[in-house]
Amino acid sequence: MASDWLVARRVAVACIVLALAYFSFKIVDVILQVFAAMLVSLALHALAEPFARLTRFPERYAVFPVALLVFGGIGLTLYLFGSTIQVQVAELFNELPAAWSAFEKRFHLEGMSDDLLRRAEASAPSGETVISAVQGLTSNVFQVLLGSFLVIVGGIYFAASPDLYRRMFLSLWAAPDRPAVARRLAAVSEDLRHFLKAQLIAMVVVGVLTFIGLTIVGVPSALALALFAGLAEFVPMIGPVVAAAPAVLIALTLGVDTGLWTLLVFVIVQQSESNVITPLLQQRMVSLPPAVTLFAVVAFGNAFGALGVVLATPLTVLAFAAFKAHGEMEAKPKPVSEPSSA
């Protein structure tokens, strides 16, 4: 009788675990959005600490003026420079087809686009399919905007009451294990915070250096291309290559020399970022091997789509930091109890 009860209990536990795994798989996008909101919360806290020291404002409440300053500053920047950025982005999209045509002519690839066009016409979708595709695109844009809003608002909520959510997370563990889990959670949060600081500074530096270099070379839409390069820096290794492609393509329309100088600008910026800026910024951060970073981006991209590509590096940092914290705790010698006196 006891053995039957034990088997039934194990089967029930296995069914619950499988149900939770299936449920997690179905809501993986929501889980990734929660993780992104946690990153926003860590970034706000990283900015709130110096703000609280300077203003002697309680750190818990300093998150709100910091969030107002950050998002208000972004809105003000878009208001002041939004028209310039919009014009340059529109020019960039208008110039890319002509740049591709010039690239084909220069390297004698004129037949490639015609062949692709014929294949596209042969497999042209019906009107209903086109309408469905447009509706899907509109839905995706709405989902991106809604997801961004949820991440920002969720990040502010997390930052406003971190102790509440920390206690909720620790309540999932048995009481004797909570102190060790709390120390590991603090170590992981610290590593993620250092990562975000380093990544933000690197993005700004790469964007500024790219803008200066493209302006000196004389590439059109330098501001839009530099903004794209700075944002793409958040996805290591793959992002810089994707950011360089349109700039080099447009520069080739001005001549091979301009294209080579533009390529040299991106090479110098990336070498400066990888060999000078990043090592200085990441001294206190988890060091990720380049191969691990590359395949992590590919793996998370295949598994979770565009959001997985964006969050691949912080998720990998999270995994490495958790294993590092676990190893450090395992390596600590346990206190030896003194023999009681008779």
C-alpha atoms as a PDB file:
ATOM      1  CA  MET A   1       0.000   0.000   0.000  1.00  0.00           C
ATOM      2  CA  ALA A   2       2.789   2.394   0.899  1.00  0.00           C
ATOM      3  CA  SER A   3       4.654   1.551  -2.335  1.00  0.00           C
ATOM      4  CA  ASP A   4       1.527   2.273  -4.416  1.00  0.00           C
ATOM      5  CA  TRP A   5       1.163   5.652  -2.710  1.00  0.00           C
ATOM      6  CA  LEU A   6       4.830   6.463  -3.401  1.00  0.00           C
ATOM      7  CA  VAL A   7       4.470   5.563  -7.094  1.00  0.00           C
ATOM      8  CA  ALA A   8       1.298   7.637  -7.399  1.00  0.00           C
ATOM      9  CA  ARG A   9       3.011  10.579  -5.740  1.00  0.00           C
ATOM     10  CA  ARG A  10       5.971  10.396  -8.124  1.00  0.00           C
ATOM     11  CA  VAL A  11       3.652  10.174 -11.139  1.00  0.00           C
ATOM     12  CA  ALA A  12       1.723  13.214  -9.891  1.00  0.00           C
ATOM     13  CA  VAL A  13       4.941  15.192  -9.412  1.00  0.00           C
ATOM     14  CA  ALA A  14       6.122  14.226 -12.912  1.00  0.00           C
ATOM     15  CA  CYS A  15       2.782  15.307 -14.399  1.00  0.00           C
ATOM     16  CA  ILE A  16       2.971  18.651 -12.576  1.00  0.00           C
ATOM     17  CA  VAL A  17       6.533  19.235 -13.804  1.00  0.00           C
ATOM     18  CA  LEU A  18       5.547  18.416 -17.396  1.00  0.00           C
ATOM     19  CA  ALA A  19       2.492  20.680 -17.151  1.00  0.00           C
ATOM     20  CA  LEU A  20       4.625  23.549 -15.833  1.00  0.00           C
ATOM     21  CA  ALA A  21       7.192  22.998 -18.602  1.00  0.00           C
ATOM     22  CA  TYR A  22       4.446  23.051 -21.265  1.00  0.00           C
ATOM     23  CA  PHE A  23       2.867  26.156 -19.731  1.00  0.00           C
ATOM     24  CA  SER A  24       6.257  27.906 -19.620  1.00  0.00           C
ATOM     25  CA  PHE A  25       6.829  27.020 -23.269  1.00  0.00           C
ATOM     26  CA  LYS A  26       3.469  28.541 -24.243  1.00  0.00           C
ATOM     27  CA  ILE A  27       4.173  31.807 -22.400  1.00  0.00           C
ATOM     28  CA  VAL A  28       7.882  32.054 -23.228  1.00  0.00           C
ATOM     29  CA  ASP A  29       7.368  35.519 -24.759  1.00  0.00           C
ATOM     30  CA  VAL A  30       5.864  36.758 -21.504  1.00  0.00           C
ATOM     31  CA  ILE A  31       8.779  35.253 -19.550  1.00  0.00           C
ATOM     32  CA  LEU A  32      11.252  37.060 -21.805  1.00  0.00           C
ATOM     33  CA  GLN A  33       9.323  40.309 -21.339  1.00  0.00           C
ATOM     34  CA  VAL A  34       9.494  39.840 -17.559  1.00  0.00           C
ATOM     35  CA  PHE A  35      13.261  39.351 -17.842  1.00  0.00           C
ATOM     36  CA  ALA A  36      13.526  42.495 -19.999  1.00  0.00           C
ATOM     37  CA  ALA A  37      11.513  44.401 -17.370  1.00  0.00           C
ATOM     38  CA  MET A  38      13.959  43.157 -14.721  1.00  0.00           C
ATOM     39  CA  LEU A  39      16.829  44.549 -16.817  1.00  0.00           C
ATOM     40  CA  VAL A  40      15.035  47.905 -16.986  1.00  0.00           C
ATOM     41  CA  SER A  41      14.606  47.762 -13.203  1.00  0.00           C
ATOM     42  CA  LEU A  42      18.322  47.041 -12.671  1.00  0.00           C
ATOM     43  CA  ALA A  43      19.262  49.890 -15.013  1.00  0.00           C
ATOM     44  CA  LEU A  44      16.992  52.318 -13.146  1.00  0.00           C
ATOM     45  CA  HIS A  45      18.455  51.247  -9.812  1.00  0.00           C
ATOM     46  CA  ALA A  46      21.985  51.648 -11.168  1.00  0.00           C
ATOM     47  CA  LEU A  47      21.100  55.247 -12.080  1.00  0.00           C
ATOM     48  CA  ALA A  48      19.119  55.857  -8.887  1.00  0.00           C
ATOM     49  CA  GLU A  49      22.078  55.098  -6.599  1.00  0.00           C
ATOM     50  CA  PRO A  50      24.255  58.094  -7.647  1.00  0.00           C
ATOM     51  CA  PHE A  51      21.128  60.266  -7.866  1.00  0.00           C
ATOM     52  CA  ALA A  52      20.246  59.356  -4.261  1.00  0.00           C
ATOM     53  CA  ARG A  53      23.808  60.086  -3.087  1.00  0.00           C
ATOM     54  CA  LEU A  54      23.863  63.481  -4.770  1.00  0.00           C
ATOM     55  CA  THR A  55      20.392  64.591  -3.697  1.00  0.00           C
ATOM     56  CA  ARG A  56      20.177  62.632  -0.391  1.00  0.00           C
ATOM     57  CA  PHE A  57      16.896  61.300  -1.693  1.00  0.00           C
ATOM     58  CA  PRO A  58      15.828  57.837  -0.421  1.00  0.00           C
ATOM     59  CA  GLU A  59      16.968  55.323  -3.030  1.00  0.00           C
ATOM     60  CA  ARG A  60      13.603  53.566  -3.038  1.00  0.00           C
ATOM     61  CA  TYR A  61      11.845  56.745  -4.137  1.00  0.00           C
ATOM     62  CA  ALA A  62      14.718  58.022  -6.294  1.00  0.00           C
ATOM     63  CA  VAL A  63      13.655  55.545  -8.967  1.00  0.00           C
ATOM     64  CA  PHE A  64      10.661  57.712  -9.935  1.00  0.00           C
ATOM     65  CA  PRO A  65      12.516  60.989 -10.676  1.00  0.00           C
ATOM     66  CA  VAL A  66      15.276  58.974 -12.394  1.00  0.00           C
ATOM     67  CA  ALA A  67      12.703  57.212 -14.593  1.00  0.00           C
ATOM     68  CA  LEU A  68      11.107  60.575 -15.343  1.00  0.00           C
ATOM     69  CA  LEU A  69      14.495  62.057 -16.258  1.00  0.00           C
ATOM     70  CA  VAL A  70      15.492  59.083 -18.421  1.00  0.00           C
ATOM     71  CA  PHE A  71      12.278  58.659 -20.383  1.00  0.00           C
ATOM     72  CA  GLY A  72      11.629  62.408 -20.416  1.00  0.00           C
ATOM     73  CA  GLY A  73      15.143  62.939 -21.788  1.00  0.00           C
ATOM     74  CA  ILE A  74      14.527  60.338 -24.482  1.00  0.00           C
ATOM     75  CA  GLY A  75      11.249  62.009 -25.392  1.00  0.00           C
ATOM     76  CA  LEU A  76      12.874  65.452 -25.458  1.00  0.00           C
ATOM     77  CA  THR A  77      15.695  64.152 -27.653  1.00  0.00           C
ATOM     78  CA  LEU A  78      13.207  62.650 -30.073  1.00  0.00           C
ATOM     79  CA  TYR A  79      11.262  65.920 -30.075  1.00  0.00           C
ATOM     80  CA  LEU A  80      14.354  68.031 -30.781  1.00  0.00           C
ATOM     81  CA  PHE A  81      16.117  65.689 -33.200  1.00  0.00           C
ATOM     82  CA  GLY A  82      13.236  63.480 -34.264  1.00  0.00           C
ATOM     83  CA  SER A  83      12.615  65.367 -37.478  1.00  0.00           C
ATOM     84  CA  THR A  84      16.301  65.164 -38.440  1.00  0.00           C
ATOM     85  CA  ILE A  85      16.451  61.459 -37.619  1.00  0.00           C
ATOM     86  CA  GLN A  86      13.191  60.824 -39.477  1.00  0.00           C
ATOM     87  CA  VAL A  87      14.447  62.623 -42.584  1.00  0.00           C
ATOM     88  CA  GLN A  88      17.751  60.758 -42.529  1.00  0.00           C
ATOM     89  CA  VAL A  89      16.052  57.388 -41.982  1.00  0.00           C
ATOM     90  CA  ALA A  90      13.703  58.110 -44.907  1.00  0.00           C
ATOM     91  CA  GLU A  91      16.685  59.108 -47.053  1.00  0.00           C
ATOM     92  CA  LEU A  92      18.462  55.945 -45.965  1.00  0.00           C
ATOM     93  CA  PHE A  93      15.585  53.738 -47.105  1.00  0.00           C
ATOM     94  CA  ASN A  94      15.307  55.688 -50.367  1.00  0.00           C
ATOM     95  CA  GLU A  95      19.028  55.393 -51.056  1.00  0.00           C
ATOM     96  CA  LEU A  96      19.398  51.690 -50.333  1.00  0.00           C
ATOM     97  CA  PRO A  97      17.762  50.431 -53.592  1.00  0.00           C
ATOM     98  CA  ALA A  98      19.944  52.758 -55.691  1.00  0.00           C
ATOM     99  CA  ALA A  99      22.966  51.713 -53.663  1.00  0.00           C
ATOM    100  CA  TRP A 100      22.198  48.051 -54.317  1.00  0.00           C
ATOM    101  CA  SER A 101      21.829  48.715 -58.044  1.00  0.00           C
ATOM    102  CA  ALA A 102      25.171  50.529 -58.095  1.00  0.00           C
ATOM    103  CA  PHE A 103      26.715  47.625 -56.194  1.00  0.00           C
ATOM    104  CA  GLU A 104      25.390  45.166 -58.788  1.00  0.00           C
ATOM    105  CA  LYS A 105      26.747  47.206 -61.681  1.00  0.00           C
ATOM    106  CA  ARG A 106      30.147  47.685 -60.092  1.00  0.00           C
ATOM    107  CA  PHE A 107      30.599  43.965 -59.433  1.00  0.00           C
ATOM    108  CA  HIS A 108      28.703  42.758 -62.554  1.00  0.00           C
ATOM    109  CA  LEU A 109      25.801  41.191 -60.659  1.00  0.00           C
ATOM    110  CA  GLU A 110      23.004  42.743 -62.725  1.00  0.00           C
ATOM    111  CA  GLY A 111      21.276  39.434 -63.464  1.00  0.00           C
ATOM    112  CA  MET A 112      20.907  38.460 -59.829  1.00  0.00           C
ATOM    113  CA  SER A 113      18.074  40.891 -59.022  1.00  0.00           C
ATOM    114  CA  ASP A 114      16.278  40.053 -62.263  1.00  0.00           C
ATOM    115  CA  ASP A 115      16.447  36.362 -61.446  1.00  0.00           C
ATOM    116  CA  LEU A 116      15.128  37.014 -57.939  1.00  0.00           C
ATOM    117  CA  LEU A 117      12.377  39.218 -59.395  1.00  0.00           C
ATOM    118  CA  ARG A 118      11.307  36.500 -61.839  1.00  0.00           C
ATOM    119  CA  ARG A 119      11.182  33.950 -59.066  1.00  0.00           C
ATOM    120  CA  ALA A 120       9.173  36.341 -56.902  1.00  0.00           C
ATOM    121  CA  GLU A 121       6.699  36.976 -59.734  1.00  0.00           C
ATOM    122  CA  ALA A 122       6.369  33.231 -60.361  1.00  0.00           C
ATOM    123  CA  SER A 123       5.455  32.665 -56.745  1.00  0.00           C
ATOM    124  CA  ALA A 124       3.476  35.895 -56.337  1.00  0.00           C
ATOM    125  CA  PRO A 125       0.836  35.567 -53.621  1.00  0.00           C
ATOM    126  CA  SER A 126      -2.811  36.225 -54.162  1.00  0.00           C
ATOM    127  CA  GLY A 127      -4.575  39.356 -53.026  1.00  0.00           C
ATOM    128  CA  GLU A 128      -5.925  37.641 -49.922  1.00  0.00           C
ATOM    129  CA  THR A 129      -2.407  36.532 -48.980  1.00  0.00           C
ATOM    130  CA  VAL A 130      -1.080  40.074 -49.374  1.00  0.00           C
ATOM    131  CA  ILE A 131      -3.873  41.433 -47.189  1.00  0.00           C
ATOM    132  CA  SER A 132      -3.161  38.765 -44.586  1.00  0.00           C
ATOM    133  CA  ALA A 133       0.550  39.645 -44.670  1.00  0.00           C
ATOM    134  CA  VAL A 134      -0.212  43.348 -44.185  1.00  0.00           C
ATOM    135  CA  GLN A 135      -2.546  42.554 -41.320  1.00  0.00           C
ATOM    136  CA  GLY A 136       0.125  40.335 -39.759  1.00  0.00           C
ATOM    137  CA  LEU A 137       2.718  43.113 -40.083  1.00  0.00           C
ATOM    138  CA  THR A 138       0.350  45.613 -38.471  1.00  0.00           C
ATOM    139  CA  SER A 139      -0.348  43.146 -35.682  1.00  0.00           C
ATOM    140  CA  ASN A 140       3.394  42.592 -35.144  1.00  0.00           C
ATOM    141  CA  VAL A 141       4.044  46.345 -34.919  1.00  0.00           C
ATOM    142  CA  PHE A 142       1.233  46.675 -32.385  1.00  0.00           C
ATOM    143  CA  GLN A 143       2.643  43.737 -30.382  1.00  0.00           C
ATOM    144  CA  VAL A 144       6.105  45.321 -30.375  1.00  0.00           C
ATOM    145  CA  LEU A 145       4.718  48.629 -29.116  1.00  0.00           C
ATOM    146  CA  LEU A 146       2.571  46.893 -26.510  1.00  0.00           C
ATOM    147  CA  GLY A 147       5.489  44.697 -25.414  1.00  0.00           C
ATOM    148  CA  SER A 148       7.780  47.726 -25.083  1.00  0.00           C
ATOM    149  CA  PHE A 149       5.162  49.530 -22.999  1.00  0.00           C
ATOM    150  CA  LEU A 150       4.745  46.502 -20.722  1.00  0.00           C
ATOM    151  CA  VAL A 151       8.510  46.119 -20.302  1.00  0.00           C
ATOM    152  CA  ILE A 152       8.973  49.786 -19.351  1.00  0.00           C
ATOM    153  CA  VAL A 153       6.016  49.901 -16.958  1.00  0.00           C
ATOM    154  CA  GLY A 154       6.925  46.516 -15.479  1.00  0.00           C
ATOM    155  CA  GLY A 155      10.518  47.665 -15.014  1.00  0.00           C
ATOM    156  CA  ILE A 156       9.344  50.745 -13.115  1.00  0.00           C
ATOM    157  CA  TYR A 157       7.126  48.576 -10.884  1.00  0.00           C
ATOM    158  CA  PHE A 158       9.998  46.170 -10.195  1.00  0.00           C
ATOM    159  CA  ALA A 159      12.329  49.076  -9.418  1.00  0.00           C
ATOM    160  CA  ALA A 160       9.812  50.750  -7.111  1.00  0.00           C
ATOM    161  CA  SER A 161       9.358  47.723  -4.810  1.00  0.00           C
ATOM    162  CA  PRO A 162      12.320  45.362  -5.310  1.00  0.00           C
ATOM    163  CA  ASP A 163      12.097  43.881  -1.795  1.00  0.00           C
ATOM    164  CA  LEU A 164       8.499  42.779  -2.381  1.00  0.00           C
ATOM    165  CA  TYR A 165       9.335  40.787  -5.518  1.00  0.00           C
ATOM    166  CA  ARG A 166      12.541  39.494  -3.935  1.00  0.00           C
ATOM    167  CA  ARG A 167      10.566  38.093  -0.994  1.00  0.00           C
ATOM    168  CA  MET A 168       8.041  36.561  -3.401  1.00  0.00           C
ATOM    169  CA  PHE A 169      10.887  34.819  -5.272  1.00  0.00           C
ATOM    170  CA  LEU A 170      12.551  33.598  -2.065  1.00  0.00           C
ATOM    171  CA  SER A 171       9.220  32.231  -0.801  1.00  0.00           C
ATOM    172  CA  LEU A 172       9.486  29.542  -3.500  1.00  0.00           C
ATOM    173  CA  TRP A 173      12.413  28.001  -1.583  1.00  0.00           C
ATOM    174  CA  ALA A 174      12.531  26.212   1.733  1.00  0.00           C
ATOM    175  CA  ALA A 175      13.344  28.441   4.704  1.00  0.00           C
ATOM    176  CA  PRO A 176      16.814  26.919   5.376  1.00  0.00           C
ATOM    177  CA  ASP A 177      17.857  27.516   1.733  1.00  0.00           C
ATOM    178  CA  ARG A 178      16.687  31.126   1.483  1.00  0.00           C
ATOM    179  CA  PRO A 179      19.852  32.844   2.824  1.00  0.00           C
ATOM    180  CA  ALA A 180      22.052  31.047   0.265  1.00  0.00           C
ATOM    181  CA  VAL A 181      19.576  31.753  -2.545  1.00  0.00           C
ATOM    182  CA  ALA A 182      19.407  35.416  -1.486  1.00  0.00           C
ATOM    183  CA  ARG A 183      23.211  35.732  -1.640  1.00  0.00           C
ATOM    184  CA  ARG A 184      23.286  34.093  -5.060  1.00  0.00           C
ATOM    185  CA  LEU A 185      20.482  36.365  -6.284  1.00  0.00           C
ATOM    186  CA  ALA A 186      22.381  39.447  -5.083  1.00  0.00           C
ATOM    187  CA  ALA A 187      25.548  38.293  -6.875  1.00  0.00           C
ATOM    188  CA  VAL A 188      23.662  37.651 -10.123  1.00  0.00           C
ATOM    189  CA  SER A 189      21.922  41.048  -9.914  1.00  0.00           C
ATOM    190  CA  GLU A 190      25.267  42.774  -9.380  1.00  0.00           C
ATOM    191  CA  ASP A 191      26.800  41.084 -12.440  1.00  0.00           C
ATOM    192  CA  LEU A 192      23.798  41.988 -14.595  1.00  0.00           C
ATOM    193  CA  ARG A 193      23.973  45.575 -13.358  1.00  0.00           C
ATOM    194  CA  HIS A 194      27.662  45.831 -14.325  1.00  0.00           C
ATOM    195  CA  PHE A 195      26.831  44.320 -17.712  1.00  0.00           C
ATOM    196  CA  LEU A 196      24.110  46.889 -18.370  1.00  0.00           C
ATOM    197  CA  LYS A 197      26.378  49.785 -17.359  1.00  0.00           C
ATOM    198  CA  ALA A 198      29.163  48.558 -19.637  1.00  0.00           C
ATOM    199  CA  GLN A 199      26.795  47.863 -22.520  1.00  0.00           C
ATOM    200  CA  LEU A 200      25.094  51.260 -22.317  1.00  0.00           C
ATOM    201  CA  ILE A 201      28.405  53.141 -22.282  1.00  0.00           C
ATOM    202  CA  ALA A 202      29.714  51.006 -25.158  1.00  0.00           C
ATOM    203  CA  MET A 203      26.577  51.702 -27.227  1.00  0.00           C
ATOM    204  CA  VAL A 204      26.892  55.453 -26.702  1.00  0.00           C
ATOM    205  CA  VAL A 205      30.624  55.465 -27.495  1.00  0.00           C
ATOM    206  CA  VAL A 206      30.169  53.335 -30.626  1.00  0.00           C
ATOM    207  CA  GLY A 207      27.330  55.549 -31.856  1.00  0.00           C
ATOM    208  CA  VAL A 208      29.319  58.763 -31.315  1.00  0.00           C
ATOM    209  CA  LEU A 209      32.521  57.408 -32.897  1.00  0.00           C
ATOM    210  CA  THR A 210      30.582  56.020 -35.857  1.00  0.00           C
ATOM    211  CA  PHE A 211      28.849  59.370 -36.411  1.00  0.00           C
ATOM    212  CA  ILE A 212      32.174  61.242 -36.296  1.00  0.00           C
ATOM    213  CA  GLY A 213      33.841  58.767 -38.663  1.00  0.00           C
ATOM    214  CA  LEU A 214      30.983  58.684 -41.193  1.00  0.00           C
ATOM    215  CA  THR A 215      30.730  62.487 -41.125  1.00  0.00           C
ATOM    216  CA  ILE A 216      34.457  62.832 -41.849  1.00  0.00           C
ATOM    217  CA  VAL A 217      34.242  60.307 -44.704  1.00  0.00           C
ATOM    218  CA  GLY A 218      31.164  62.101 -46.080  1.00  0.00           C
ATOM    219  CA  VAL A 219      28.617  59.270 -46.012  1.00  0.00           C
ATOM    220  CA  PRO A 220      24.984  60.463 -46.324  1.00  0.00           C
ATOM    221  CA  SER A 221      22.565  59.900 -43.421  1.00  0.00           C
ATOM    222  CA  ALA A 222      25.452  59.608 -40.958  1.00  0.00           C
ATOM    223  CA  LEU A 223      23.218  60.286 -37.933  1.00  0.00           C
ATOM    224  CA  ALA A 224      20.723  57.537 -38.820  1.00  0.00           C
ATOM    225  CA  LEU A 225      23.513  55.058 -39.567  1.00  0.00           C
ATOM    226  CA  ALA A 226      25.309  55.912 -36.312  1.00  0.00           C
ATOM    227  CA  LEU A 227      22.082  55.532 -34.324  1.00  0.00           C
ATOM    228  CA  PHE A 228      21.552  52.113 -35.916  1.00  0.00           C
ATOM    229  CA  ALA A 229      25.159  51.138 -35.129  1.00  0.00           C
ATOM    230  CA  GLY A 230      24.792  52.170 -31.483  1.00  0.00           C
ATOM    231  CA  LEU A 231      21.565  50.199 -31.038  1.00  0.00           C
ATOM    232  CA  ALA A 232      22.987  47.170 -32.852  1.00  0.00           C
ATOM    233  CA  GLU A 233      25.913  47.125 -30.422  1.00  0.00           C
ATOM    234  CA  PHE A 234      23.596  45.530 -27.849  1.00  0.00           C
ATOM    235  CA  VAL A 235      23.779  42.326 -29.934  1.00  0.00           C
ATOM    236  CA  PRO A 236      27.512  41.520 -29.930  1.00  0.00           C
ATOM    237  CA  MET A 237      29.401  40.226 -32.972  1.00  0.00           C
ATOM    238  CA  ILE A 238      26.326  39.967 -35.208  1.00  0.00           C
ATOM    239  CA  GLY A 239      24.926  43.462 -34.557  1.00  0.00           C
ATOM    240  CA  PRO A 240      28.047  45.392 -35.715  1.00  0.00           C
ATOM    241  CA  VAL A 241      28.180  43.413 -38.978  1.00  0.00           C
ATOM    242  CA  VAL A 242      24.506  44.089 -39.659  1.00  0.00           C
ATOM    243  CA  ALA A 243      25.014  47.796 -38.858  1.00  0.00           C
ATOM    244  CA  ALA A 244      28.018  48.122 -41.191  1.00  0.00           C
ATOM    245  CA  ALA A 245      26.313  46.594 -44.243  1.00  0.00           C
ATOM    246  CA  PRO A 246      23.966  49.497 -45.190  1.00  0.00           C
ATOM    247  CA  ALA A 247      26.650  52.115 -44.499  1.00  0.00           C
ATOM    248  CA  VAL A 248      29.201  50.410 -46.746  1.00  0.00           C
ATOM    249  CA  LEU A 249      26.558  49.807 -49.409  1.00  0.00           C
ATOM    250  CA  ILE A 250      25.603  53.499 -49.511  1.00  0.00           C
ATOM    251  CA  ALA A 251      29.241  54.579 -49.413  1.00  0.00           C
ATOM    252  CA  LEU A 252      29.990  52.462 -52.501  1.00  0.00           C
ATOM    253  CA  THR A 253      27.619  54.679 -54.500  1.00  0.00           C
ATOM    254  CA  LEU A 254      30.107  57.512 -53.897  1.00  0.00           C
ATOM    255  CA  GLY A 255      33.058  55.414 -55.034  1.00  0.00           C
ATOM    256  CA  VAL A 256      35.134  52.423 -54.043  1.00  0.00           C
ATOM    257  CA  ASP A 257      37.476  54.642 -52.025  1.00  0.00           C
ATOM    258  CA  THR A 258      34.567  55.950 -49.939  1.00  0.00           C
ATOM    259  CA  GLY A 259      33.320  52.410 -49.419  1.00  0.00           C
ATOM    260  CA  LEU A 260      36.738  51.276 -48.226  1.00  0.00           C
ATOM    261  CA  TRP A 261      37.087  54.293 -45.910  1.00  0.00           C
ATOM    262  CA  THR A 262      33.627  53.564 -44.469  1.00  0.00           C
ATOM    263  CA  LEU A 263      34.552  49.938 -43.897  1.00  0.00           C
ATOM    264  CA  LEU A 264      37.751  51.119 -42.217  1.00  0.00           C
ATOM    265  CA  VAL A 265      35.699  53.386 -39.916  1.00  0.00           C
ATOM    266  CA  PHE A 266      33.619  50.432 -38.722  1.00  0.00           C
ATOM    267  CA  VAL A 267      36.701  48.236 -38.310  1.00  0.00           C
ATOM    268  CA  ILE A 268      38.473  50.904 -36.224  1.00  0.00           C
ATOM    269  CA  VAL A 269      35.381  51.563 -34.098  1.00  0.00           C
ATOM    270  CA  GLN A 270      34.812  47.859 -33.448  1.00  0.00           C
ATOM    271  CA  GLN A 271      38.478  47.196 -32.691  1.00  0.00           C
ATOM    272  CA  SER A 272      38.487  50.140 -30.284  1.00  0.00           C
ATOM    273  CA  GLU A 273      35.314  48.862 -28.670  1.00  0.00           C
ATOM    274  CA  SER A 274      36.475  45.245 -28.321  1.00  0.00           C
ATOM    275  CA  ASN A 275      40.112  45.894 -27.348  1.00  0.00           C
ATOM    276  CA  VAL A 276      39.946  49.162 -25.378  1.00  0.00           C
ATOM    277  CA  ILE A 277      36.447  50.183 -24.315  1.00  0.00           C
ATOM    278  CA  THR A 278      34.931  46.819 -23.375  1.00  0.00           C
ATOM    279  CA  PRO A 279      37.943  45.519 -21.363  1.00  0.00           C
ATOM    280  CA  LEU A 280      37.957  48.739 -19.323  1.00  0.00           C
ATOM    281  CA  LEU A 281      34.213  48.617 -18.706  1.00  0.00           C
ATOM    282  CA  GLN A 282      33.911  44.890 -18.033  1.00  0.00           C
ATOM    283  CA  GLN A 283      36.602  44.494 -15.388  1.00  0.00           C
ATOM    284  CA  ARG A 284      33.938  43.678 -12.801  1.00  0.00           C
ATOM    285  CA  MET A 285      31.643  41.875 -15.207  1.00  0.00           C
ATOM    286  CA  VAL A 286      31.275  38.222 -16.169  1.00  0.00           C
ATOM    287  CA  SER A 287      33.646  37.627 -19.086  1.00  0.00           C
ATOM    288  CA  LEU A 288      31.911  35.702 -21.867  1.00  0.00           C
ATOM    289  CA  PRO A 289      34.046  33.774 -24.385  1.00  0.00           C
ATOM    290  CA  PRO A 290      33.411  35.041 -27.946  1.00  0.00           C
ATOM    291  CA  ALA A 291      32.344  31.613 -29.234  1.00  0.00           C
ATOM    292  CA  VAL A 292      29.818  31.255 -26.394  1.00  0.00           C
ATOM    293  CA  THR A 293      28.417  34.718 -27.144  1.00  0.00           C
ATOM    294  CA  LEU A 294      28.105  34.009 -30.874  1.00  0.00           C
ATOM    295  CA  PHE A 295      26.350  30.669 -30.530  1.00  0.00           C
ATOM    296  CA  ALA A 296      24.174  31.988 -27.710  1.00  0.00           C
ATOM    297  CA  VAL A 297      22.842  34.697 -30.030  1.00  0.00           C
ATOM    298  CA  VAL A 298      22.185  32.107 -32.767  1.00  0.00           C
ATOM    299  CA  ALA A 299      20.599  29.627 -30.359  1.00  0.00           C
ATOM    300  CA  PHE A 300      18.313  32.115 -28.601  1.00  0.00           C
ATOM    301  CA  GLY A 301      17.403  33.648 -31.958  1.00  0.00           C
ATOM    302  CA  ASN A 302      16.343  30.283 -33.374  1.00  0.00           C
ATOM    303  CA  ALA A 303      14.450  29.383 -30.215  1.00  0.00           C
ATOM    304  CA  PHE A 304      12.717  32.673 -29.370  1.00  0.00           C
ATOM    305  CA  GLY A 305      12.944  34.878 -32.464  1.00  0.00           C
ATOM    306  CA  ALA A 306      13.919  38.546 -32.502  1.00  0.00           C
ATOM    307  CA  LEU A 307      13.382  39.004 -28.762  1.00  0.00           C
ATOM    308  CA  GLY A 308      15.704  36.080 -28.127  1.00  0.00           C
ATOM    309  CA  VAL A 309      18.422  37.713 -30.254  1.00  0.00           C
ATOM    310  CA  VAL A 310      18.140  40.975 -28.287  1.00  0.00           C
ATOM    311  CA  LEU A 311      18.184  39.248 -24.886  1.00  0.00           C
ATOM    312  CA  ALA A 312      20.697  36.510 -25.761  1.00  0.00           C
ATOM    313  CA  THR A 313      23.710  38.210 -24.175  1.00  0.00           C
ATOM    314  CA  PRO A 314      22.051  39.218 -20.851  1.00  0.00           C
ATOM    315  CA  LEU A 315      20.520  35.724 -20.601  1.00  0.00           C
ATOM    316  CA  THR A 316      23.979  34.199 -21.099  1.00  0.00           C
ATOM    317  CA  VAL A 317      25.425  36.610 -18.519  1.00  0.00           C
ATOM    318  CA  LEU A 318      22.640  35.498 -16.169  1.00  0.00           C
ATOM    319  CA  ALA A 319      23.549  31.823 -16.662  1.00  0.00           C
ATOM    320  CA  PHE A 320      27.293  32.427 -16.211  1.00  0.00           C
ATOM    321  CA  ALA A 321      26.732  34.620 -13.143  1.00  0.00           C
ATOM    322  CA  ALA A 322      24.465  32.006 -11.555  1.00  0.00           C
ATOM    323  CA  PHE A 323      27.025  29.236 -12.087  1.00  0.00           C
ATOM    324  CA  LYS A 324      29.827  31.496 -10.829  1.00  0.00           C
ATOM    325  CA  ALA A 325      27.879  32.383  -7.683  1.00  0.00           C
ATOM    326  CA  HIS A 326      27.061  28.715  -7.112  1.00  0.00           C
ATOM    327  CA  GLY A 327      30.728  27.739  -7.506  1.00  0.00           C
ATOM    328  CA  GLU A 328      31.892  30.452  -5.106  1.00  0.00           C
ATOM    329  CA  MET A 329      29.402  29.336  -2.474  1.00  0.00           C
ATOM    330  CA  GLU A 330      30.390  25.695  -2.898  1.00  0.00           C
ATOM    331  CA  ALA A 331      34.070  26.650  -2.557  1.00  0.00           C
ATOM    332  CA  LYS A 332      33.572  28.502   0.729  1.00  0.00           C
ATOM    333  CA  PRO A 333      34.652  26.360   3.684  1.00  0.00           C
ATOM    334  CA  LYS A 334      31.857  25.469   6.017  1.00  0.00           C
ATOM    335  CA  PRO A 335      32.253  26.723   9.604  1.00  0.00           C
ATOM    336  CA  VAL A 336      33.527  24.041  11.952  1.00  0.00           C
ATOM    337  CA  SER A 337      31.609  23.841  15.185  1.00  0.00           C
ATOM    338  CA  GLU A 338      33.755  24.028  18.291  1.00  0.00           C
ATOM    339  CA  PRO A 339      33.560  21.092  20.691  1.00  0.00           C
ATOM    340  CA  SER A 340      31.400  21.830  23.658  1.00  0.00           C
ATOM    341  CA  SER A 341      33.192  22.096  26.981  1.00  0.00           C
ATOM    342  CA  ALA A 342      32.450  19.452  29.526  1.00  0.00           C
END
